[in-house]
Structures are given as C-alpha cells and as structure tokens.
C-alpha cells in the first residue's frame, strides 16, 4: 500500500512504499519503461551506497530496516524505518549535527545519487538519469523540516 506522507511548499509529494524491495521493483519498472540500462545493478548499487554512507556518517548507526519513498516529481530516496535521531559527521565538509531518520535517508540518498551520476559521467554514458534524480530529490529536500541540516551535510 502506497501512502502520501507530506506535501511541501513546492508541491512535491513523497509516497512511502510497503517495503524497500517493493519500492526498488516499482522503480525498476519505471526505469525499464524509460529504456534505461543496467537497472537492477544500478538500484542495488544505490541501496548499497546509502547503507555505506549511513555507516560512514553515523557512529551510532546500526543496521535498520529501510523504507523506499517515491516523489511525485520523479525522484526517490530511502530512509531508515525508525523514529530515531542520528548524530551525523561528514568529514569531507566538516558538517556535524543531528538528523531524523528521514533527513538521514535524504542525505545519504543524495550522496549515493551523486556518486552514481559521477560514475555514469566517468564511463562517458550520456544518460543523465541519476543527475536528474539527484536534482529532483534536492528540490524536495529544500522544503522538508530539516532542510538546513541536509544542505549542510551535502554542501
């Protein structure tokens, strides 16, 4: 069952899927319809990168269940399925702070999408899909409650 969780100032809606696996499946169907290549591999790498960034940025991160969110503008992100607050430290830009699970998910998803966009660029692939997804998620992040924390972490 997909349900809307919020509508922000930009009018972008986030829809939580029943599970991470179902969200990945629905995203792969969308990507396949758009003629994208290496779909399952790219989504596996996206999830793996998100988990790795969460471990890298959060000393107090333990393995959690994650939810998949699809945005009405075409973007997506994953986040831990918990109400926990995480202490975040991003060494590359000296950011330190606390974030909700949703803000952490948006942050690590942005890092993962950026890494996938750079990988596609390095391989001279003309597909801008992950760059577009990054911008769609970033647009959504501007209006969430913890937008300043997310912006500080990805700066």
Protein backbone atom coordinates (compact mmCIF):
# COMPACT_ATOMS: atom_id res chain seq x y z
CA UNK A 1 0.00 0.00 0.00
CA UNK A 2 1.47 3.32 -1.10
CA UNK A 3 0.63 6.35 1.01
CA UNK A 4 1.46 10.04 0.75
CA UNK A 5 3.47 11.30 3.72
CA UNK A 6 3.64 15.04 3.09
CA UNK A 7 3.26 17.83 0.57
CA UNK A 8 5.71 20.68 0.94
CA UNK A 9 5.80 24.23 -0.41
CA UNK A 10 6.98 23.12 -3.84
CA UNK A 11 4.01 20.79 -4.07
CA UNK A 12 6.22 17.70 -4.37
CA UNK A 13 4.69 14.69 -2.64
CA UNK A 14 6.56 11.74 -1.11
CA UNK A 15 4.91 8.32 -1.18
CA UNK A 16 6.10 5.57 1.18
CA UNK A 17 6.05 2.07 -0.27
CA UNK A 18 5.23 -1.09 1.67
CA UNK A 19 8.85 -2.19 1.63
CA UNK A 20 12.28 -1.35 0.26
CA UNK A 21 12.04 -4.33 -2.11
CA UNK A 22 8.67 -3.20 -3.50
CA UNK A 23 9.98 0.33 -3.97
CA UNK A 24 13.03 -0.96 -5.86
CA UNK A 25 10.80 -3.14 -8.01
CA UNK A 26 8.47 -0.26 -8.90
CA UNK A 27 11.45 1.98 -9.67
CA UNK A 28 12.98 -0.70 -11.90
CA UNK A 29 9.69 -0.97 -13.84
CA UNK A 30 9.66 2.81 -14.33
CA UNK A 31 13.30 2.80 -15.44
CA UNK A 32 12.70 -0.12 -17.82
CA UNK A 33 9.76 1.73 -19.39
CA UNK A 34 12.10 4.68 -19.98
CA UNK A 35 14.58 2.41 -21.76
CA UNK A 36 17.25 2.60 -19.03
CA UNK A 37 20.08 0.06 -18.94
CA UNK A 38 21.57 -1.94 -16.03
CA UNK A 39 18.51 -1.20 -13.91
CA UNK A 40 18.75 -3.83 -11.18
CA UNK A 41 22.50 -3.37 -10.84
CA UNK A 42 22.17 0.42 -10.50
CA UNK A 43 19.42 0.13 -7.88
CA UNK A 44 21.48 -2.45 -5.96
CA UNK A 45 24.45 -0.07 -6.01
CA UNK A 46 22.20 2.84 -4.93
CA UNK A 47 20.95 0.90 -1.90
CA UNK A 48 24.43 -0.34 -1.02
CA UNK A 49 25.87 3.18 -1.24
CA UNK A 50 23.11 4.54 1.01
CA UNK A 51 23.86 1.91 3.67
CA UNK A 52 27.61 2.60 3.40
CA UNK A 53 27.16 6.37 3.71
CA UNK A 54 24.91 5.87 6.75
CA UNK A 55 27.65 3.81 8.43
CA UNK A 56 30.30 6.34 7.39
CA UNK A 57 28.42 9.41 8.66
CA UNK A 58 26.84 7.98 11.83
CA UNK A 59 28.87 6.43 14.60
CA UNK A 60 25.61 5.37 16.26
CA UNK A 61 24.11 3.79 13.13
CA UNK A 62 23.19 0.16 13.46
CA UNK A 63 21.56 -1.94 10.78
CA UNK A 64 17.94 -0.86 10.42
CA UNK A 65 15.06 -1.70 8.13
CA UNK A 66 14.65 0.92 5.42
CA UNK A 67 11.64 2.32 3.53
CA UNK A 68 11.53 3.42 -0.10
CA UNK A 69 9.93 6.77 -0.97
CA UNK A 70 8.89 7.81 -4.45
CA UNK A 71 8.47 11.52 -5.15
CA UNK A 72 5.77 12.97 -7.37
CA UNK A 73 8.42 14.83 -9.40
CA UNK A 74 10.15 11.56 -10.41
CA UNK A 75 12.76 11.37 -7.64
CA UNK A 76 13.15 8.81 -4.89
CA UNK A 77 15.01 8.15 -1.66
CA UNK A 78 15.31 5.56 1.07
CA UNK A 79 15.45 6.09 4.81
CA UNK A 80 15.64 4.01 7.99
CA UNK A 81 12.27 2.83 9.26
CA UNK A 82 12.65 4.33 12.73
CA UNK A 83 11.89 7.42 14.79
CA UNK A 84 15.50 7.57 15.97
CA UNK A 85 17.64 10.72 15.75
CA UNK A 86 21.13 10.21 14.37
CA UNK A 87 24.35 12.10 15.11
CA UNK A 88 25.93 12.92 11.75
CA UNK A 89 29.53 13.79 10.95
CA UNK A 90 30.55 14.37 7.32
CA UNK A 91 34.34 14.59 7.30
CA UNK A 92 34.60 15.96 3.75
CA UNK A 93 32.85 19.23 4.63
CA UNK A 94 33.18 19.31 8.45
CA UNK A 95 29.41 19.09 8.99
CA UNK A 96 28.27 17.83 12.39
CA UNK A 97 24.72 17.71 13.67
CA UNK A 98 21.67 15.62 14.41
CA UNK A 99 19.05 14.41 11.96
CA UNK A 100 15.88 12.40 11.94
CA UNK A 101 15.83 9.10 10.07
CA UNK A 102 14.08 10.77 7.13
CA UNK A 103 16.68 13.55 6.90
CA UNK A 104 19.48 10.98 7.14
CA UNK A 105 17.84 8.99 4.35
CA UNK A 106 17.53 12.02 2.11
CA UNK A 107 21.16 12.95 2.83
CA UNK A 108 22.65 9.53 2.10
CA UNK A 109 20.38 9.15 -0.95
CA UNK A 110 21.72 12.45 -2.31
CA UNK A 111 25.30 11.27 -1.75
CA UNK A 112 24.52 7.95 -3.47
CA UNK A 113 22.79 9.60 -6.45
CA UNK A 114 25.73 11.98 -6.82
CA UNK A 115 28.16 9.05 -6.82
CA UNK A 116 26.09 7.21 -9.46
CA UNK A 117 25.88 10.35 -11.62
CA UNK A 118 29.67 10.77 -11.40
CA UNK A 119 30.17 7.11 -12.26
CA UNK A 120 27.97 7.45 -15.36
CA UNK A 121 29.90 10.57 -16.36
CA UNK A 122 33.26 8.83 -15.84
CA UNK A 123 32.09 5.99 -18.10
CA UNK A 124 31.11 8.57 -20.75
CA UNK A 125 27.48 7.49 -20.56
CA UNK A 126 25.11 10.11 -21.95
CA UNK A 127 22.31 9.02 -19.63
CA UNK A 128 21.62 11.82 -17.14
CA UNK A 129 19.08 9.83 -15.15
CA UNK A 130 20.90 9.84 -11.81
CA UNK A 131 21.80 13.51 -12.21
CA UNK A 132 18.09 14.26 -12.76
CA UNK A 133 17.15 12.10 -9.75
CA UNK A 134 19.68 13.98 -7.62
CA UNK A 135 18.14 17.33 -8.59
CA UNK A 136 14.58 16.07 -8.06
CA UNK A 137 15.45 14.87 -4.56
CA UNK A 138 17.41 18.02 -3.78
CA UNK A 139 14.41 20.11 -4.85
CA UNK A 140 12.24 18.10 -2.47
CA UNK A 141 14.79 18.47 0.35
CA UNK A 142 14.60 22.29 0.22
CA UNK A 143 11.19 22.24 1.86
CA UNK A 144 11.46 19.47 4.43
CA UNK A 145 11.63 20.41 8.10
CA UNK A 146 15.36 19.66 8.34
CA UNK A 147 16.37 21.28 5.05
CA UNK A 148 19.22 23.29 6.62
CA UNK A 149 20.76 20.17 8.17
CA UNK A 150 20.53 18.29 4.86
CA UNK A 151 22.02 21.23 2.96
CA UNK A 152 24.85 21.49 5.49
CA UNK A 153 25.65 17.80 5.18
CA UNK A 154 25.69 17.73 1.36
CA UNK A 155 27.48 21.07 0.92
